């Protein structure tokens, strides 16, 4: 199943790319690792699993990563945490399972 086109939200001046698939709760939220993006093999494998289970699935690229705007060198973990919280608060509903890889686990 190919990923749909992202939507973009502004978080403190950064254009953040988000992909969301509707489904049942608890939903799954993917938080990628340092220099990774939401179309990587782990994120895509989790998308396939969530789709097969009928679960909601939410993922985004931090600024300077993947399809999001900004320069990687301008990013900090605090900035990427702020962006993740903005995505989570805007797009998630009900109970969620946070799944993070590497830095994403810390952000989770």
PDB file of N, CA and C in Angstrom:
ATOM      1  N   UNK A   1       0.851  -1.186   0.000  1.00  0.00           N
ATOM      2  CA  UNK A   1       0.000   0.000   0.000  1.00  0.00           C
ATOM      3  C   UNK A   1       0.891   1.241   0.000  1.00  0.00           C
ATOM      4  N   UNK A   2       0.800   2.048  -1.005  1.00  0.00           N
ATOM      5  CA  UNK A   2       1.611   3.251  -1.122  1.00  0.00           C
ATOM      6  C   UNK A   2       1.110   4.332  -0.170  1.00  0.00           C
ATOM      7  N   UNK A   3       2.041   5.090   0.372  1.00  0.00           N
ATOM      8  CA  UNK A   3       1.689   6.180   1.277  1.00  0.00           C
ATOM      9  C   UNK A   3       1.005   7.294   0.497  1.00  0.00           C
ATOM     10  N   UNK A   4      -0.007   7.870   1.093  1.00  0.00           N
ATOM     11  CA  UNK A   4      -0.689   8.999   0.465  1.00  0.00           C
ATOM     12  C   UNK A   4       0.200  10.231   0.551  1.00  0.00           C
ATOM     13  N   UNK A   5      -0.157  11.254  -0.196  1.00  0.00           N
ATOM     14  CA  UNK A   5       0.602  12.502  -0.157  1.00  0.00           C
ATOM     15  C   UNK A   5       0.492  13.121   1.231  1.00  0.00           C
ATOM     16  N   UNK A   6       1.561  13.773   1.685  1.00  0.00           N
ATOM     17  CA  UNK A   6       1.501  14.385   3.004  1.00  0.00           C
ATOM     18  C   UNK A   6       0.669  15.665   3.011  1.00  0.00           C
ATOM     19  N   UNK A   7       0.211  16.028   4.190  1.00  0.00           N
ATOM     20  CA  UNK A   7      -0.320  17.363   4.435  1.00  0.00           C
ATOM     21  C   UNK A   7       0.761  18.102   5.206  1.00  0.00           C
ATOM     22  N   UNK A   8       0.702  19.408   5.187  1.00  0.00           N
ATOM     23  CA  UNK A   8       1.736  20.203   5.843  1.00  0.00           C
ATOM     24  C   UNK A   8       1.105  21.139   6.863  1.00  0.00           C
ATOM     25  N   UNK A   9       1.754  21.243   8.013  1.00  0.00           N
ATOM     26  CA  UNK A   9       1.331  22.213   9.019  1.00  0.00           C
ATOM     27  C   UNK A   9       2.527  23.076   9.401  1.00  0.00           C
ATOM     28  N   UNK A  10       2.244  24.289   9.785  1.00  0.00           N
ATOM     29  CA  UNK A  10       3.286  25.192  10.250  1.00  0.00           C
ATOM     30  C   UNK A  10       3.453  25.021  11.754  1.00  0.00           C
ATOM     31  N   UNK A  11       4.669  24.743  12.176  1.00  0.00           N
ATOM     32  CA  UNK A  11       4.985  24.674  13.598  1.00  0.00           C
ATOM     33  C   UNK A  11       6.138  25.637  13.843  1.00  0.00           C
ATOM     34  N   UNK A  12       5.835  26.762  14.450  1.00  0.00           N
ATOM     35  CA  UNK A  12       6.846  27.777  14.753  1.00  0.00           C
ATOM     36  C   UNK A  12       7.708  28.139  13.540  1.00  0.00           C
ATOM     37  N   UNK A  13       7.060  28.276  12.373  1.00  0.00           N
ATOM     38  CA  UNK A  13       7.767  28.686  11.177  1.00  0.00           C
ATOM     39  C   UNK A  13       8.359  27.551  10.361  1.00  0.00           C
ATOM     40  N   UNK A  14       8.208  26.322  10.811  1.00  0.00           N
ATOM     41  CA  UNK A  14       8.695  25.160  10.050  1.00  0.00           C
ATOM     42  C   UNK A  14       7.520  24.455   9.385  1.00  0.00           C
ATOM     43  N   UNK A  15       7.676  24.122   8.117  1.00  0.00           N
ATOM     44  CA  UNK A  15       6.652  23.426   7.354  1.00  0.00           C
ATOM     45  C   UNK A  15       6.833  21.923   7.579  1.00  0.00           C
ATOM     46  N   UNK A  16       5.956  21.319   8.389  1.00  0.00           N
ATOM     47  CA  UNK A  16       6.090  19.926   8.809  1.00  0.00           C
ATOM     48  C   UNK A  16       5.159  19.028   7.991  1.00  0.00           C
ATOM     49  N   UNK A  17       5.741  17.998   7.370  1.00  0.00           N
ATOM     50  CA  UNK A  17       4.995  17.026   6.560  1.00  0.00           C
ATOM     51  C   UNK A  17       4.405  15.954   7.480  1.00  0.00           C
ATOM     52  N   UNK A  18       3.116  15.653   7.273  1.00  0.00           N
ATOM     53  CA  UNK A  18       2.385  14.698   8.110  1.00  0.00           C
ATOM     54  C   UNK A  18       1.615  13.741   7.212  1.00  0.00           C
ATOM     55  N   UNK A  19       1.612  12.479   7.580  1.00  0.00           N
ATOM     56  CA  UNK A  19       0.761  11.477   6.926  1.00  0.00           C
ATOM     57  C   UNK A  19      -0.090  10.822   7.997  1.00  0.00           C
ATOM     58  N   UNK A  20      -1.382  10.657   7.696  1.00  0.00           N
ATOM     59  CA  UNK A  20      -2.306  10.060   8.654  1.00  0.00           C
ATOM     60  C   UNK A  20      -3.240   9.110   7.923  1.00  0.00           C
ATOM     61  N   UNK A  21      -3.447   7.951   8.526  1.00  0.00           N
ATOM     62  CA  UNK A  21      -4.427   6.993   8.035  1.00  0.00           C
ATOM     63  C   UNK A  21      -5.427   6.782   9.161  1.00  0.00           C
ATOM     64  N   UNK A  22      -6.686   6.955   8.856  1.00  0.00           N
ATOM     65  CA  UNK A  22      -7.744   6.761   9.850  1.00  0.00           C
ATOM     66  C   UNK A  22      -7.890   5.270  10.147  1.00  0.00           C
ATOM     67  N   UNK A  23      -8.348   4.983  11.344  1.00  0.00           N
ATOM     68  CA  UNK A  23      -8.557   3.596  11.740  1.00  0.00           C
ATOM     69  C   UNK A  23      -8.998   3.525  13.188  1.00  0.00           C
ATOM     70  N   UNK A  24      -8.958   2.332  13.725  1.00  0.00           N
ATOM     71  CA  UNK A  24      -9.442   2.114  15.088  1.00  0.00           C
ATOM     72  C   UNK A  24      -8.392   2.513  16.123  1.00  0.00           C
ATOM     73  N   UNK A  25      -8.880   2.674  17.342  1.00  0.00           N
ATOM     74  CA  UNK A  25      -8.024   2.976  18.480  1.00  0.00           C
ATOM     75  C   UNK A  25      -7.658   1.666  19.180  1.00  0.00           C
ATOM     76  N   UNK A  26      -6.554   1.619  19.868  1.00  0.00           N
ATOM     77  CA  UNK A  26      -5.602   2.729  19.936  1.00  0.00           C
ATOM     78  C   UNK A  26      -4.871   2.903  18.619  1.00  0.00           C
ATOM     79  N   UNK A  27      -4.621   4.156  18.294  1.00  0.00           N
ATOM     80  CA  UNK A  27      -3.860   4.455  17.095  1.00  0.00           C
ATOM     81  C   UNK A  27      -2.381   4.252  17.344  1.00  0.00           C
ATOM     82  N   UNK A  28      -1.608   4.263  16.270  1.00  0.00           N
ATOM     83  CA  UNK A  28      -0.160   4.098  16.340  1.00  0.00           C
ATOM     84  C   UNK A  28       0.476   5.382  15.814  1.00  0.00           C
ATOM     85  N   UNK A  29       1.417   5.914  16.579  1.00  0.00           N
ATOM     86  CA  UNK A  29       2.140   7.126  16.188  1.00  0.00           C
ATOM     87  C   UNK A  29       3.611   6.769  16.031  1.00  0.00           C
ATOM     88  N   UNK A  30       4.151   6.992  14.839  1.00  0.00           N
ATOM     89  CA  UNK A  30       5.557   6.707  14.556  1.00  0.00           C
ATOM     90  C   UNK A  30       6.393   7.954  14.768  1.00  0.00           C
ATOM     91  N   UNK A  31       7.510   7.798  15.488  1.00  0.00           N
ATOM     92  CA  UNK A  31       8.476   8.873  15.713  1.00  0.00           C
ATOM     93  C   UNK A  31       9.832   8.371  15.230  1.00  0.00           C
ATOM     94  N   UNK A  32      10.274   8.910  14.124  1.00  0.00           N
ATOM     95  CA  UNK A  32      11.496   8.439  13.486  1.00  0.00           C
ATOM     96  C   UNK A  32      12.758   8.836  14.217  1.00  0.00           C
ATOM     97  N   UNK A  33      13.840   8.272  13.766  1.00  0.00           N
ATOM     98  CA  UNK A  33      15.144   8.528  14.364  1.00  0.00           C
ATOM     99  C   UNK A  33      15.869   9.705  13.734  1.00  0.00           C
ATOM    100  N   UNK A  34      17.023   9.973  14.288  1.00  0.00           N
ATOM    101  CA  UNK A  34      17.910  11.042  13.842  1.00  0.00           C
ATOM    102  C   UNK A  34      18.281  10.824  12.377  1.00  0.00           C
ATOM    103  N   UNK A  35      18.035  11.819  11.531  1.00  0.00           N
ATOM    104  CA  UNK A  35      18.304  11.801  10.096  1.00  0.00           C
ATOM    105  C   UNK A  35      17.475  10.751   9.341  1.00  0.00           C
ATOM    106  N   UNK A  36      16.392  10.282   9.950  1.00  0.00           N
ATOM    107  CA  UNK A  36      15.491   9.345   9.279  1.00  0.00           C
ATOM    108  C   UNK A  36      14.255  10.092   8.817  1.00  0.00           C
ATOM    109  N   UNK A  37      13.441   9.426   7.988  1.00  0.00           N
ATOM    110  CA  UNK A  37      12.211  10.067   7.559  1.00  0.00           C
ATOM    111  C   UNK A  37      11.053   9.082   7.623  1.00  0.00           C
ATOM    112  N   UNK A  38       9.847   9.596   7.435  1.00  0.00           N
ATOM    113  CA  UNK A  38       8.638   8.787   7.623  1.00  0.00           C
ATOM    114  C   UNK A  38       8.363   7.813   6.488  1.00  0.00           C
ATOM    115  N   UNK A  39       9.222   7.776   5.481  1.00  0.00           N
ATOM    116  CA  UNK A  39       9.068   6.804   4.408  1.00  0.00           C
ATOM    117  C   UNK A  39      10.156   5.732   4.456  1.00  0.00           C
ATOM    118  N   UNK A  40      10.883   5.676   5.568  1.00  0.00           N
ATOM    119  CA  UNK A  40      11.914   4.665   5.756  1.00  0.00           C
ATOM    120  C   UNK A  40      11.316   3.279   5.960  1.00  0.00           C
ATOM    121  N   UNK A  41      12.165   2.274   5.956  1.00  0.00           N
ATOM    122  CA  UNK A  41      11.693   0.888   6.022  1.00  0.00           C
ATOM    123  C   UNK A  41      10.939   0.575   7.310  1.00  0.00           C
ATOM    124  N   UNK A  42      11.381   1.083   8.440  1.00  0.00           N
ATOM    125  CA  UNK A  42      10.669   0.809   9.701  1.00  0.00           C
ATOM    126  C   UNK A  42       9.294   1.463   9.704  1.00  0.00           C
ATOM    127  N   UNK A  43       9.238   2.727   9.287  1.00  0.00           N
ATOM    128  CA  UNK A  43       7.960   3.445   9.250  1.00  0.00           C
ATOM    129  C   UNK A  43       6.989   2.788   8.280  1.00  0.00           C
ATOM    130  N   UNK A  44       7.499   2.336   7.140  1.00  0.00           N
ATOM    131  CA  UNK A  44       6.646   1.683   6.142  1.00  0.00           C
ATOM    132  C   UNK A  44       6.180   0.306   6.619  1.00  0.00           C
ATOM    133  N   UNK A  45       7.054  -0.439   7.311  1.00  0.00           N
ATOM    134  CA  UNK A  45       6.648  -1.746   7.855  1.00  0.00           C
ATOM    135  C   UNK A  45       5.557  -1.569   8.903  1.00  0.00           C
ATOM    136  N   UNK A  46       5.695  -0.550   9.745  1.00  0.00           N
ATOM    137  CA  UNK A  46       4.678  -0.286  10.756  1.00  0.00           C
ATOM    138  C   UNK A  46       3.371   0.164  10.099  1.00  0.00           C
ATOM    139  N   UNK A  47       3.467   0.937   9.016  1.00  0.00           N
ATOM    140  CA  UNK A  47       2.271   1.354   8.280  1.00  0.00           C
ATOM    141  C   UNK A  47       1.530   0.134   7.736  1.00  0.00           C
ATOM    142  N   UNK A  48       2.278  -0.826   7.199  1.00  0.00           N
ATOM    143  CA  UNK A  48       1.655  -2.043   6.660  1.00  0.00           C
ATOM    144  C   UNK A  48       0.973  -2.826   7.779  1.00  0.00           C
ATOM    145  N   UNK A  49       1.643  -2.933   8.919  1.00  0.00           N
ATOM    146  CA  UNK A  49       1.045  -3.650  10.044  1.00  0.00           C
ATOM    147  C   UNK A  49      -0.227  -2.947  10.523  1.00  0.00           C
ATOM    148  N   UNK A  50      -0.131  -1.621  10.730  1.00  0.00           N
ATOM    149  CA  UNK A  50      -1.291  -0.857  11.213  1.00  0.00           C
ATOM    150  C   UNK A  50      -2.454  -0.983  10.234  1.00  0.00           C
ATOM    151  N   UNK A  51      -2.170  -0.912   8.943  1.00  0.00           N
ATOM    152  CA  UNK A  51      -3.212  -1.048   7.938  1.00  0.00           C
ATOM    153  C   UNK A  51      -3.864  -2.421   7.985  1.00  0.00           C
ATOM    154  N   UNK A  52      -3.062  -3.449   8.150  1.00  0.00           N
ATOM    155  CA  UNK A  52      -3.590  -4.801   8.233  1.00  0.00           C
ATOM    156  C   UNK A  52      -4.454  -5.030   9.457  1.00  0.00           C
ATOM    157  N   UNK A  53      -4.163  -4.289  10.515  1.00  0.00           N
ATOM    158  CA  UNK A  53      -4.924  -4.390  11.763  1.00  0.00           C
ATOM    159  C   UNK A  53      -6.092  -3.408  11.820  1.00  0.00           C
ATOM    160  N   UNK A  54      -6.173  -2.521  10.826  1.00  0.00           N
ATOM    161  CA  UNK A  54      -7.225  -1.504  10.811  1.00  0.00           C
ATOM    162  C   UNK A  54      -7.011  -0.399  11.824  1.00  0.00           C
ATOM    163  N   UNK A  55      -5.776  -0.199  12.248  1.00  0.00           N
ATOM    164  CA  UNK A  55      -5.448   0.829  13.246  1.00  0.00           C
ATOM    165  C   UNK A  55      -5.158   2.169  12.597  1.00  0.00           C
ATOM    166  N   UNK A  56      -5.502   3.231  13.296  1.00  0.00           N
ATOM    167  CA  UNK A  56      -5.100   4.575  12.879  1.00  0.00           C
ATOM    168  C   UNK A  56      -3.573   4.642  12.931  1.00  0.00           C
ATOM    169  N   UNK A  57      -2.997   5.403  12.010  1.00  0.00           N
ATOM    170  CA  UNK A  57      -1.534   5.503  11.941  1.00  0.00           C
ATOM    171  C   UNK A  57      -1.152   6.935  11.595  1.00  0.00           C
ATOM    172  N   UNK A  58      -0.253   7.500  12.390  1.00  0.00           N
ATOM    173  CA  UNK A  58       0.170   8.889  12.254  1.00  0.00           C
ATOM    174  C   UNK A  58       1.684   8.945  12.252  1.00  0.00           C
ATOM    175  N   UNK A  59       2.235   9.725  11.326  1.00  0.00           N
ATOM    176  CA  UNK A  59       3.687   9.910  11.262  1.00  0.00           C
ATOM    177  C   UNK A  59       3.996  11.275  10.664  1.00  0.00           C
ATOM    178  N   UNK A  60       5.184  11.760  10.925  1.00  0.00           N
ATOM    179  CA  UNK A  60       5.611  13.043  10.376  1.00  0.00           C
ATOM    180  C   UNK A  60       7.123  13.067  10.220  1.00  0.00           C
ATOM    181  N   UNK A  61       7.609  14.036   9.471  1.00  0.00           N
ATOM    182  CA  UNK A  61       9.045  14.286   9.361  1.00  0.00           C
ATOM    183  C   UNK A  61       9.372  15.518  10.186  1.00  0.00           C
ATOM    184  N   UNK A  62      10.415  15.425  10.989  1.00  0.00           N
ATOM    185  CA  UNK A  62      10.890  16.594  11.733  1.00  0.00           C
ATOM    186  C   UNK A  62      11.445  17.623  10.735  1.00  0.00           C
ATOM    187  N   UNK A  63      11.558  18.869  11.144  1.00  0.00           N
ATOM    188  CA  UNK A  63      12.160  19.877  10.264  1.00  0.00           C
ATOM    189  C   UNK A  63      13.571  19.418   9.878  1.00  0.00           C
ATOM    190  N   UNK A  64      13.915  19.677   8.609  1.00  0.00           N
ATOM    191  CA  UNK A  64      15.216  19.263   8.109  1.00  0.00           C
ATOM    192  C   UNK A  64      15.315  17.784   7.773  1.00  0.00           C
ATOM    193  N   UNK A  65      14.207  17.076   7.877  1.00  0.00           N
ATOM    194  CA  UNK A  65      14.155  15.643   7.561  1.00  0.00           C
ATOM    195  C   UNK A  65      13.118  15.411   6.460  1.00  0.00           C
ATOM    196  N   UNK A  66      13.362  14.421   5.614  1.00  0.00           N
ATOM    197  CA  UNK A  66      12.359  13.975   4.648  1.00  0.00           C
ATOM    198  C   UNK A  66      11.703  15.101   3.875  1.00  0.00           C
ATOM    199  N   UNK A  67      10.375  15.120   3.940  1.00  0.00           N
ATOM    200  CA  UNK A  67       9.589  16.070   3.155  1.00  0.00           C
ATOM    201  C   UNK A  67       9.298  17.386   3.886  1.00  0.00           C
ATOM    202  N   UNK A  68       9.721  17.500   5.128  1.00  0.00           N
ATOM    203  CA  UNK A  68       9.492  18.742   5.876  1.00  0.00           C
ATOM    204  C   UNK A  68      10.498  19.802   5.463  1.00  0.00           C
ATOM    205  N   UNK A  69      10.117  21.040   5.674  1.00  0.00           N
ATOM    206  CA  UNK A  69      10.995  22.146   5.348  1.00  0.00           C
ATOM    207  C   UNK A  69      12.074  22.355   6.390  1.00  0.00           C
ATOM    208  N   UNK A  70      12.946  23.277   6.101  1.00  0.00           N
ATOM    209  CA  UNK A  70      13.990  23.646   7.043  1.00  0.00           C
ATOM    210  C   UNK A  70      15.301  22.936   6.781  1.00  0.00           C
ATOM    211  N   UNK A  71      16.314  23.439   7.423  1.00  0.00           N
ATOM    212  CA  UNK A  71      17.653  22.877   7.302  1.00  0.00           C
ATOM    213  C   UNK A  71      17.933  21.972   8.498  1.00  0.00           C
ATOM    214  N   UNK A  72      18.512  20.818   8.222  1.00  0.00           N
ATOM    215  CA  UNK A  72      18.817  19.874   9.288  1.00  0.00           C
ATOM    216  C   UNK A  72      19.668  20.535  10.383  1.00  0.00           C
ATOM    217  N   UNK A  73      20.661  21.320   9.979  1.00  0.00           N
ATOM    218  CA  UNK A  73      21.586  21.942  10.931  1.00  0.00           C
ATOM    219  C   UNK A  73      20.892  22.914  11.890  1.00  0.00           C
ATOM    220  N   UNK A  74      19.690  23.376  11.529  1.00  0.00           N
ATOM    221  CA  UNK A  74      18.947  24.294  12.399  1.00  0.00           C
ATOM    222  C   UNK A  74      18.112  23.555  13.439  1.00  0.00           C
ATOM    223  N   UNK A  75      18.047  22.245  13.337  1.00  0.00           N
ATOM    224  CA  UNK A  75      17.206  21.466  14.239  1.00  0.00           C
ATOM    225  C   UNK A  75      17.885  21.145  15.562  1.00  0.00           C
ATOM    226  N   UNK A  76      17.050  20.938  16.559  1.00  0.00           N
ATOM    227  CA  UNK A  76      17.499  20.465  17.869  1.00  0.00           C
ATOM    228  C   UNK A  76      16.469  19.456  18.350  1.00  0.00           C
ATOM    229  N   UNK A  77      16.853  18.644  19.303  1.00  0.00           N
ATOM    230  CA  UNK A  77      15.901  17.675  19.835  1.00  0.00           C
ATOM    231  C   UNK A  77      14.710  18.402  20.454  1.00  0.00           C
ATOM    232  N   UNK A  78      14.941  19.508  21.127  1.00  0.00           N
ATOM    233  CA  UNK A  78      13.831  20.279  21.717  1.00  0.00           C
ATOM    234  C   UNK A  78      12.888  20.793  20.640  1.00  0.00           C
ATOM    235  N   UNK A  79      13.425  21.251  19.535  1.00  0.00           N
ATOM    236  CA  UNK A  79      12.596  21.754  18.430  1.00  0.00           C
ATOM    237  C   UNK A  79      11.781  20.607  17.822  1.00  0.00           C
ATOM    238  N   UNK A  80      12.432  19.454  17.624  1.00  0.00           N
ATOM    239  CA  UNK A  80      11.736  18.309  17.041  1.00  0.00           C
ATOM    240  C   UNK A  80      10.683  17.756  17.997  1.00  0.00           C
ATOM    241  N   UNK A  81      10.926  17.849  19.296  1.00  0.00           N
ATOM    242  CA  UNK A  81       9.909  17.464  20.282  1.00  0.00           C
ATOM    243  C   UNK A  81       8.698  18.389  20.178  1.00  0.00           C
ATOM    244  N   UNK A  82       8.927  19.685  20.077  1.00  0.00           N
ATOM    245  CA  UNK A  82       7.836  20.650  19.931  1.00  0.00           C
ATOM    246  C   UNK A  82       7.010  20.347  18.680  1.00  0.00           C
ATOM    247  N   UNK A  83       7.680  20.036  17.582  1.00  0.00           N
ATOM    248  CA  UNK A  83       6.973  19.703  16.348  1.00  0.00           C
ATOM    249  C   UNK A  83       6.153  18.423  16.512  1.00  0.00           C
ATOM    250  N   UNK A  84       6.730  17.431  17.171  1.00  0.00           N
ATOM    251  CA  UNK A  84       6.032  16.160  17.396  1.00  0.00           C
ATOM    252  C   UNK A  84       4.794  16.371  18.256  1.00  0.00           C
ATOM    253  N   UNK A  85       4.903  17.173  19.292  1.00  0.00           N
ATOM    254  CA  UNK A  85       3.746  17.451  20.150  1.00  0.00           C
ATOM    255  C   UNK A  85       2.650  18.175  19.368  1.00  0.00           C
ATOM    256  N   UNK A  86       3.035  19.109  18.492  1.00  0.00           N
ATOM    257  CA  UNK A  86       2.037  19.829  17.686  1.00  0.00           C
ATOM    258  C   UNK A  86       1.303  18.864  16.762  1.00  0.00           C
ATOM    259  N   UNK A  87       2.031  17.950  16.131  1.00  0.00           N
ATOM    260  CA  UNK A  87       1.404  16.953  15.254  1.00  0.00           C
ATOM    261  C   UNK A  87       0.488  16.051  16.075  1.00  0.00           C
ATOM    262  N   UNK A  88       0.980  15.553  17.187  1.00  0.00           N
ATOM    263  CA  UNK A  88       0.204  14.663  18.049  1.00  0.00           C
ATOM    264  C   UNK A  88      -1.099  15.333  18.493  1.00  0.00           C
ATOM    265  N   UNK A  89      -1.003  16.547  18.963  1.00  0.00           N
ATOM    266  CA  UNK A  89      -2.188  17.250  19.481  1.00  0.00           C
ATOM    267  C   UNK A  89      -3.197  17.569  18.373  1.00  0.00           C
ATOM    268  N   UNK A  90      -2.716  17.862  17.194  1.00  0.00           N
ATOM    269  CA  UNK A  90      -3.626  18.229  16.100  1.00  0.00           C
ATOM    270  C   UNK A  90      -4.279  17.020  15.429  1.00  0.00           C
ATOM    271  N   UNK A  91      -3.551  15.928  15.300  1.00  0.00           N
ATOM    272  CA  UNK A  91      -4.034  14.828  14.475  1.00  0.00           C
ATOM    273  C   UNK A  91      -4.493  13.580  15.230  1.00  0.00           C
ATOM    274  N   UNK A  92      -4.070  13.390  16.464  1.00  0.00           N
ATOM    275  CA  UNK A  92      -4.447  12.148  17.146  1.00  0.00           C
ATOM    276  C   UNK A  92      -5.722  12.334  17.956  1.00  0.00           C
ATOM    277  N   UNK A  93      -6.477  11.246  18.051  1.00  0.00           N
ATOM    278  CA  UNK A  93      -7.726  11.229  18.818  1.00  0.00           C
ATOM    279  C   UNK A  93      -7.719   9.974  19.681  1.00  0.00           C
ATOM    280  N   UNK A  94      -8.055  10.107  20.935  1.00  0.00           N
ATOM    281  CA  UNK A  94      -8.150   8.942  21.807  1.00  0.00           C
ATOM    282  C   UNK A  94      -6.791   8.368  22.165  1.00  0.00           C
ATOM    283  N   UNK A  95      -6.814   7.117  22.600  1.00  0.00           N
ATOM    284  CA  UNK A  95      -5.592   6.451  23.044  1.00  0.00           C
ATOM    285  C   UNK A  95      -4.677   6.174  21.858  1.00  0.00           C
ATOM    286  N   UNK A  96      -3.374   6.325  22.117  1.00  0.00           N
ATOM    287  CA  UNK A  96      -2.357   6.131  21.087  1.00  0.00           C
ATOM    288  C   UNK A  96      -1.222   5.274  21.642  1.00  0.00           C
ATOM    289  N   UNK A  97      -0.600   4.529  20.762  1.00  0.00           N
ATOM    290  CA  UNK A  97       0.618   3.790  21.084  1.00  0.00           C
ATOM    291  C   UNK A  97       1.750   4.510  20.365  1.00  0.00           C
ATOM    292  N   UNK A  98       2.724   5.005  21.129  1.00  0.00           N
ATOM    293  CA  UNK A  98       3.858   5.713  20.544  1.00  0.00           C
ATOM    294  C   UNK A  98       4.968   4.712  20.256  1.00  0.00           C
ATOM    295  N   UNK A  99       5.475   4.737  19.033  1.00  0.00           N
ATOM    296  CA  UNK A  99       6.559   3.853  18.622  1.00  0.00           C
ATOM    297  C   UNK A  99       7.674   4.735  18.098  1.00  0.00           C
ATOM    298  N   UNK A 100       8.840   4.638  18.723  1.00  0.00           N
ATOM    299  CA  UNK A 100       9.964   5.462  18.303  1.00  0.00           C
ATOM    300  C   UNK A 100      11.191   4.633  18.042  1.00  0.00           C
ATOM    301  N   UNK A 101      11.978   5.082  17.064  1.00  0.00           N
ATOM    302  CA  UNK A 101      13.246   4.459  16.749  1.00  0.00           C
ATOM    303  C   UNK A 101      14.349   5.438  17.089  1.00  0.00           C
ATOM    304  N   UNK A 102      15.352   4.974  17.807  1.00  0.00           N
ATOM    305  CA  UNK A 102      16.516   5.804  18.122  1.00  0.00           C
ATOM    306  C   UNK A 102      16.051   7.103  18.809  1.00  0.00           C
ATOM    307  N   UNK A 103      16.365   8.258  18.258  1.00  0.00           N
ATOM    308  CA  UNK A 103      15.955   9.526  18.845  1.00  0.00           C
ATOM    309  C   UNK A 103      14.449   9.604  19.010  1.00  0.00           C
ATOM    310  N   UNK A 104      13.705   8.968  18.106  1.00  0.00           N
ATOM    311  CA  UNK A 104      12.240   8.966  18.202  1.00  0.00           C
ATOM    312  C   UNK A 104      11.735   8.306  19.475  1.00  0.00           C
ATOM    313  N   UNK A 105      12.481   7.326  19.984  1.00  0.00           N
ATOM    314  CA  UNK A 105      12.090   6.690  21.247  1.00  0.00           C
ATOM    315  C   UNK A 105      12.224   7.687  22.394  1.00  0.00           C
ATOM    316  N   UNK A 106      13.264   8.512  22.349  1.00  0.00           N
ATOM    317  CA  UNK A 106      13.420   9.537  23.379  1.00  0.00           C
ATOM    318  C   UNK A 106      12.291  10.559  23.284  1.00  0.00           C
ATOM    319  N   UNK A 107      11.964  10.972  22.089  1.00  0.00           N
ATOM    320  CA  UNK A 107      10.893  11.942  21.895  1.00  0.00           C
ATOM    321  C   UNK A 107       9.564  11.347  22.363  1.00  0.00           C
ATOM    322  N   UNK A 108       9.353  10.053  22.088  1.00  0.00           N
ATOM    323  CA  UNK A 108       8.118   9.378  22.535  1.00  0.00           C
ATOM    324  C   UNK A 108       8.011   9.451  24.044  1.00  0.00           C
TER     325      UNK A 108
END
